[in-house]
Every structure is written in C-alpha cells, then in structure tokens.
Amino acid sequence: MSVFRFESVQLLPISLDEAWEFFSSPQNLKTITPEYMGFHILSGADRKMFPGQIIQYHISPFPGIKMRWVTEITHVIDKSYFVDEQRFGPYAFWHHKHFFRAIPGGVEMIDIVDYKLPMGILGKWMQPWMVKPRLEAIFAYRTEKLDQLFGKMT
C-alpha cells in the first residue's frame, strides 16, 4: 500500500486572526479552487469549521468526470490547525492537515496531504504523471489566488 505525501508552505502578510477567519469558513474554498475543478459546495458549509462537520461537494478532478466528494473536519484547534479527511470521493485515502503560525510580518501556512490512490497498481502508476502534477497545479493556483487577495510577503 503506497501512501503519498504532498506538502505546501505559504507566507502571507496578514495576521493569524485574519488567516484563521478566512480558512475556517468552508465557503471560501470555492474562492481558492481553480474553476476547471468544477467545485460546488452541496451542503455543510453554512457554519464555521467544527470537529465532526461534514461538507459535501461536487468536483471534476479531470475533464468530463464529475463526482461527489464528502469530507469531515476531524480536528480543530483555534488559530493553530485543522484536519479534513475524505469520507467518500476520488481517493482511497485523504488526510489533509492545515497548520497556521504567526511569524514576523504575517502568517505561515503549511498544508500536509497524505493520500492513497484507488485502483491498485494502476493508481500507483498514475501518481507521478497525473495525480501529483494535478495537486501541484491546484496548490499553485491557491498560492497565486491568496497572494492576490492578501498580498505577497516580501
């Protein structure tokens, strides 16, 4: 069983309070998700994050493929971190940790995603040339969008 890891770090010139306010609202996910993902929240995003919250979305991970993704917010420590885990969706396993830390002049955000692909050896084969580049593109979009919204750390 191969579990893969993706990590991303971003620095923003905003306070920890501002960062937490933005990221603890599930409605803001659409803002930082590329349009080509066909991201649409179906339910569960009407409140700030809390442990046990179930959020349902429609996504199109690849052109012409539309699917439902159900995640649960499993851990929340105010202004420190939260974890979302897939309950149903495109991955065999998805565990996404979001960490926030005040730094001089802003906030450091660290994302760590541990995931396993479905379809056994075929999924493992698709990882380096299809799945990993897609995750990199999604997080690159997010970085660019957050820099547009909040400015870039210098």
C-alpha atoms as a PDB file:
ATOM      1  CA  MET A   1       0.000   0.000   0.000  1.00  0.00           C
ATOM      2  CA  SER A   2       1.547   3.295  -1.116  1.00  0.00           C
ATOM      3  CA  VAL A   3       0.559   6.418   0.772  1.00  0.00           C
ATOM      4  CA  PHE A   4       1.850   9.566  -0.894  1.00  0.00           C
ATOM      5  CA  ARG A   5       2.537  12.940   0.677  1.00  0.00           C
ATOM      6  CA  PHE A   6       2.180  16.446  -0.713  1.00  0.00           C
ATOM      7  CA  GLU A   7       3.376  19.493   1.235  1.00  0.00           C
ATOM      8  CA  SER A   8       2.917  23.199   0.622  1.00  0.00           C
ATOM      9  CA  VAL A   9       4.091  26.259   2.552  1.00  0.00           C
ATOM     10  CA  GLN A  10       2.851  29.805   2.010  1.00  0.00           C
ATOM     11  CA  LEU A  11       3.629  33.054   3.806  1.00  0.00           C
ATOM     12  CA  LEU A  12       1.043  35.822   3.804  1.00  0.00           C
ATOM     13  CA  PRO A  13       1.308  39.397   5.157  1.00  0.00           C
ATOM     14  CA  ILE A  14      -1.820  39.112   7.293  1.00  0.00           C
ATOM     15  CA  SER A  15      -2.442  38.393  10.949  1.00  0.00           C
ATOM     16  CA  LEU A  16      -3.098  34.960  12.331  1.00  0.00           C
ATOM     17  CA  ASP A  17      -6.639  36.128  13.167  1.00  0.00           C
ATOM     18  CA  GLU A  18      -7.261  37.182   9.538  1.00  0.00           C
ATOM     19  CA  ALA A  19      -5.876  33.926   8.173  1.00  0.00           C
ATOM     20  CA  TRP A  20      -7.964  31.839  10.556  1.00  0.00           C
ATOM     21  CA  GLU A  21     -11.100  33.850   9.802  1.00  0.00           C
ATOM     22  CA  PHE A  22     -10.685  33.171   6.076  1.00  0.00           C
ATOM     23  CA  PHE A  23      -9.704  29.487   6.237  1.00  0.00           C
ATOM     24  CA  SER A  24     -12.178  28.460   8.940  1.00  0.00           C
ATOM     25  CA  SER A  25     -15.051  29.399   6.634  1.00  0.00           C
ATOM     26  CA  PRO A  26     -15.713  26.475   4.255  1.00  0.00           C
ATOM     27  CA  GLN A  27     -17.446  28.887   1.845  1.00  0.00           C
ATOM     28  CA  ASN A  28     -14.024  30.321   0.974  1.00  0.00           C
ATOM     29  CA  LEU A  29     -12.885  27.019  -0.525  1.00  0.00           C
ATOM     30  CA  LYS A  30     -14.518  27.921  -3.824  1.00  0.00           C
ATOM     31  CA  THR A  31     -12.512  31.164  -3.964  1.00  0.00           C
ATOM     32  CA  ILE A  32      -9.181  29.319  -3.821  1.00  0.00           C
ATOM     33  CA  THR A  33     -10.097  26.360  -6.054  1.00  0.00           C
ATOM     34  CA  PRO A  34      -9.440  26.528  -9.801  1.00  0.00           C
ATOM     35  CA  GLU A  35     -12.559  26.970 -11.952  1.00  0.00           C
ATOM     36  CA  TYR A  36     -11.647  23.906 -14.044  1.00  0.00           C
ATOM     37  CA  MET A  37     -12.230  21.743 -10.942  1.00  0.00           C
ATOM     38  CA  GLY A  38     -15.976  22.394 -11.201  1.00  0.00           C
ATOM     39  CA  PHE A  39     -16.045  22.851  -7.419  1.00  0.00           C
ATOM     40  CA  HIS A  40     -19.514  23.334  -5.974  1.00  0.00           C
ATOM     41  CA  ILE A  41     -20.481  23.013  -2.292  1.00  0.00           C
ATOM     42  CA  LEU A  42     -23.657  20.974  -1.846  1.00  0.00           C
ATOM     43  CA  SER A  43     -24.063  21.092   1.932  1.00  0.00           C
ATOM     44  CA  GLY A  44     -22.410  21.528   5.296  1.00  0.00           C
ATOM     45  CA  ALA A  45     -20.570  24.799   4.701  1.00  0.00           C
ATOM     46  CA  ASP A  46     -23.063  27.127   6.347  1.00  0.00           C
ATOM     47  CA  ARG A  47     -21.097  27.398   9.625  1.00  0.00           C
ATOM     48  CA  LYS A  48     -17.507  27.997  10.691  1.00  0.00           C
ATOM     49  CA  MET A  49     -15.478  24.814  10.960  1.00  0.00           C
ATOM     50  CA  PHE A  50     -16.005  22.473  13.866  1.00  0.00           C
ATOM     51  CA  PRO A  51     -14.939  18.886  14.612  1.00  0.00           C
ATOM     52  CA  GLY A  52     -17.422  16.460  13.096  1.00  0.00           C
ATOM     53  CA  GLN A  53     -18.564  18.847  10.358  1.00  0.00           C
ATOM     54  CA  ILE A  54     -19.454  17.026   7.131  1.00  0.00           C
ATOM     55  CA  ILE A  55     -19.084  19.008   3.913  1.00  0.00           C
ATOM     56  CA  GLN A  56     -20.307  17.694   0.548  1.00  0.00           C
ATOM     57  CA  TYR A  57     -19.055  18.981  -2.798  1.00  0.00           C
ATOM     58  CA  HIS A  58     -19.208  18.233  -6.478  1.00  0.00           C
ATOM     59  CA  ILE A  59     -15.825  18.300  -8.186  1.00  0.00           C
ATOM     60  CA  SER A  60     -14.434  17.445 -11.603  1.00  0.00           C
ATOM     61  CA  PRO A  61     -10.942  16.108 -10.912  1.00  0.00           C
ATOM     62  CA  PHE A  62     -10.432  15.539 -14.637  1.00  0.00           C
ATOM     63  CA  PRO A  63     -12.336  16.898 -17.653  1.00  0.00           C
ATOM     64  CA  GLY A  64     -15.652  15.136 -18.162  1.00  0.00           C
ATOM     65  CA  ILE A  65     -15.534  13.370 -14.787  1.00  0.00           C
ATOM     66  CA  LYS A  66     -17.907  14.783 -12.161  1.00  0.00           C
ATOM     67  CA  MET A  67     -18.095  13.250  -8.719  1.00  0.00           C
ATOM     68  CA  ARG A  68     -19.226  13.845  -5.177  1.00  0.00           C
ATOM     69  CA  TRP A  69     -16.599  14.424  -2.516  1.00  0.00           C
ATOM     70  CA  VAL A  70     -17.545  14.195   1.158  1.00  0.00           C
ATOM     71  CA  THR A  71     -15.079  15.391   3.786  1.00  0.00           C
ATOM     72  CA  GLU A  72     -15.200  15.541   7.551  1.00  0.00           C
ATOM     73  CA  ILE A  73     -13.436  18.148   9.654  1.00  0.00           C
ATOM     74  CA  THR A  74     -11.949  15.853  12.279  1.00  0.00           C
ATOM     75  CA  HIS A  75      -9.746  18.173  14.357  1.00  0.00           C
ATOM     76  CA  VAL A  76      -9.812  21.915  15.003  1.00  0.00           C
ATOM     77  CA  ILE A  77      -7.512  23.841  17.314  1.00  0.00           C
ATOM     78  CA  ASP A  78      -8.446  27.525  17.061  1.00  0.00           C
ATOM     79  CA  LYS A  79      -5.854  29.591  15.162  1.00  0.00           C
ATOM     80  CA  SER A  80      -3.452  26.648  15.094  1.00  0.00           C
ATOM     81  CA  TYR A  81      -4.596  23.822  12.816  1.00  0.00           C
ATOM     82  CA  PHE A  82      -7.440  21.799  11.400  1.00  0.00           C
ATOM     83  CA  VAL A  83      -7.723  18.461   9.625  1.00  0.00           C
ATOM     84  CA  ASP A  84     -10.091  17.387   6.878  1.00  0.00           C
ATOM     85  CA  GLU A  85     -10.482  13.744   5.908  1.00  0.00           C
ATOM     86  CA  GLN A  86     -12.260  12.308   2.899  1.00  0.00           C
ATOM     87  CA  ARG A  87     -15.198  10.064   3.703  1.00  0.00           C
ATOM     88  CA  PHE A  88     -16.270   9.485   0.079  1.00  0.00           C
ATOM     89  CA  GLY A  89     -14.573  10.670  -3.085  1.00  0.00           C
ATOM     90  CA  PRO A  90     -11.834  10.169  -5.625  1.00  0.00           C
ATOM     91  CA  TYR A  91      -9.109   8.938  -3.265  1.00  0.00           C
ATOM     92  CA  ALA A  92      -8.777   5.659  -1.405  1.00  0.00           C
ATOM     93  CA  PHE A  93      -7.435   7.756   1.495  1.00  0.00           C
ATOM     94  CA  TRP A  94      -7.173  11.543   2.013  1.00  0.00           C
ATOM     95  CA  HIS A  95      -5.919  13.215   5.191  1.00  0.00           C
ATOM     96  CA  HIS A  96      -5.216  16.962   4.903  1.00  0.00           C
ATOM     97  CA  LYS A  97      -3.602  18.879   7.765  1.00  0.00           C
ATOM     98  CA  HIS A  98      -3.633  22.712   7.712  1.00  0.00           C
ATOM     99  CA  PHE A  99      -1.223  24.469  10.110  1.00  0.00           C
ATOM    100  CA  PHE A 100      -1.121  28.210  10.876  1.00  0.00           C
ATOM    101  CA  ARG A 101       1.626  30.079  12.722  1.00  0.00           C
ATOM    102  CA  ALA A 102       2.210  33.758  13.338  1.00  0.00           C
ATOM    103  CA  ILE A 103       5.600  34.904  12.043  1.00  0.00           C
ATOM    104  CA  PRO A 104       7.172  38.375  11.901  1.00  0.00           C
ATOM    105  CA  GLY A 105       5.137  40.363   9.382  1.00  0.00           C
ATOM    106  CA  GLY A 106       2.456  37.777   8.786  1.00  0.00           C
ATOM    107  CA  VAL A 107       1.446  34.150   8.962  1.00  0.00           C
ATOM    108  CA  GLU A 108       2.950  30.877   7.786  1.00  0.00           C
ATOM    109  CA  MET A 109       0.524  28.287   6.450  1.00  0.00           C
ATOM    110  CA  ILE A 110       1.595  24.693   5.986  1.00  0.00           C
ATOM    111  CA  ASP A 111      -0.513  22.062   4.237  1.00  0.00           C
ATOM    112  CA  ILE A 112       0.354  18.384   4.501  1.00  0.00           C
ATOM    113  CA  VAL A 113      -1.752  15.985   2.465  1.00  0.00           C
ATOM    114  CA  ASP A 114      -1.334  12.229   2.883  1.00  0.00           C
ATOM    115  CA  TYR A 115      -3.263  10.274   0.268  1.00  0.00           C
ATOM    116  CA  LYS A 116      -3.657   6.870  -1.324  1.00  0.00           C
ATOM    117  CA  LEU A 117      -4.989   6.306  -4.792  1.00  0.00           C
ATOM    118  CA  PRO A 118      -7.649   3.791  -5.776  1.00  0.00           C
ATOM    119  CA  MET A 119      -7.202   1.144  -8.481  1.00  0.00           C
ATOM    120  CA  GLY A 120      -4.130  -0.577  -7.022  1.00  0.00           C
ATOM    121  CA  ILE A 121      -1.148  -0.702  -9.345  1.00  0.00           C
ATOM    122  CA  LEU A 122      -2.918   1.472 -11.945  1.00  0.00           C
ATOM    123  CA  GLY A 123      -3.459   4.225  -9.353  1.00  0.00           C
ATOM    124  CA  LYS A 124       0.167   3.955  -8.236  1.00  0.00           C
ATOM    125  CA  TRP A 125       1.265   4.208 -11.876  1.00  0.00           C
ATOM    126  CA  MET A 126      -0.868   7.351 -12.401  1.00  0.00           C
ATOM    127  CA  GLN A 127       0.581   9.110  -9.336  1.00  0.00           C
ATOM    128  CA  PRO A 128       3.766  10.678 -10.795  1.00  0.00           C
ATOM    129  CA  TRP A 129       2.434  11.804 -14.158  1.00  0.00           C
ATOM    130  CA  MET A 130      -1.222  12.605 -13.461  1.00  0.00           C
ATOM    131  CA  VAL A 131      -2.187  12.952  -9.788  1.00  0.00           C
ATOM    132  CA  LYS A 132       0.900  14.656  -8.334  1.00  0.00           C
ATOM    133  CA  PRO A 133       1.063  17.299 -11.124  1.00  0.00           C
ATOM    134  CA  ARG A 134      -2.668  17.981 -10.645  1.00  0.00           C
ATOM    135  CA  LEU A 135      -2.213  18.521  -6.891  1.00  0.00           C
ATOM    136  CA  GLU A 136       0.767  20.781  -7.576  1.00  0.00           C
ATOM    137  CA  ALA A 137      -1.323  22.830 -10.032  1.00  0.00           C
ATOM    138  CA  ILE A 138      -4.239  23.154  -7.602  1.00  0.00           C
ATOM    139  CA  PHE A 139      -1.966  24.383  -4.804  1.00  0.00           C
ATOM    140  CA  ALA A 140      -0.091  26.707  -7.185  1.00  0.00           C
ATOM    141  CA  TYR A 141      -3.447  28.245  -8.110  1.00  0.00           C
ATOM    142  CA  ARG A 142      -4.308  28.590  -4.441  1.00  0.00           C
ATOM    143  CA  THR A 143      -0.972  30.286  -3.711  1.00  0.00           C
ATOM    144  CA  GLU A 144      -1.498  32.742  -6.557  1.00  0.00           C
ATOM    145  CA  LYS A 145      -5.097  33.472  -5.532  1.00  0.00           C
ATOM    146  CA  LEU A 146      -4.162  34.055  -1.871  1.00  0.00           C
ATOM    147  CA  ASP A 147      -1.329  36.373  -2.947  1.00  0.00           C
ATOM    148  CA  GLN A 148      -3.896  38.329  -4.999  1.00  0.00           C
ATOM    149  CA  LEU A 149      -6.341  38.505  -2.108  1.00  0.00           C
ATOM    150  CA  PHE A 150      -3.934  39.312   0.717  1.00  0.00           C
ATOM    151  CA  GLY A 151      -0.681  40.439  -0.871  1.00  0.00           C
ATOM    152  CA  LYS A 152       2.649  38.732  -1.056  1.00  0.00           C
ATOM    153  CA  MET A 153       5.240  38.523   1.743  1.00  0.00           C
ATOM    154  CA  THR A 154       8.437  40.362   0.916  1.00  0.00           C
END
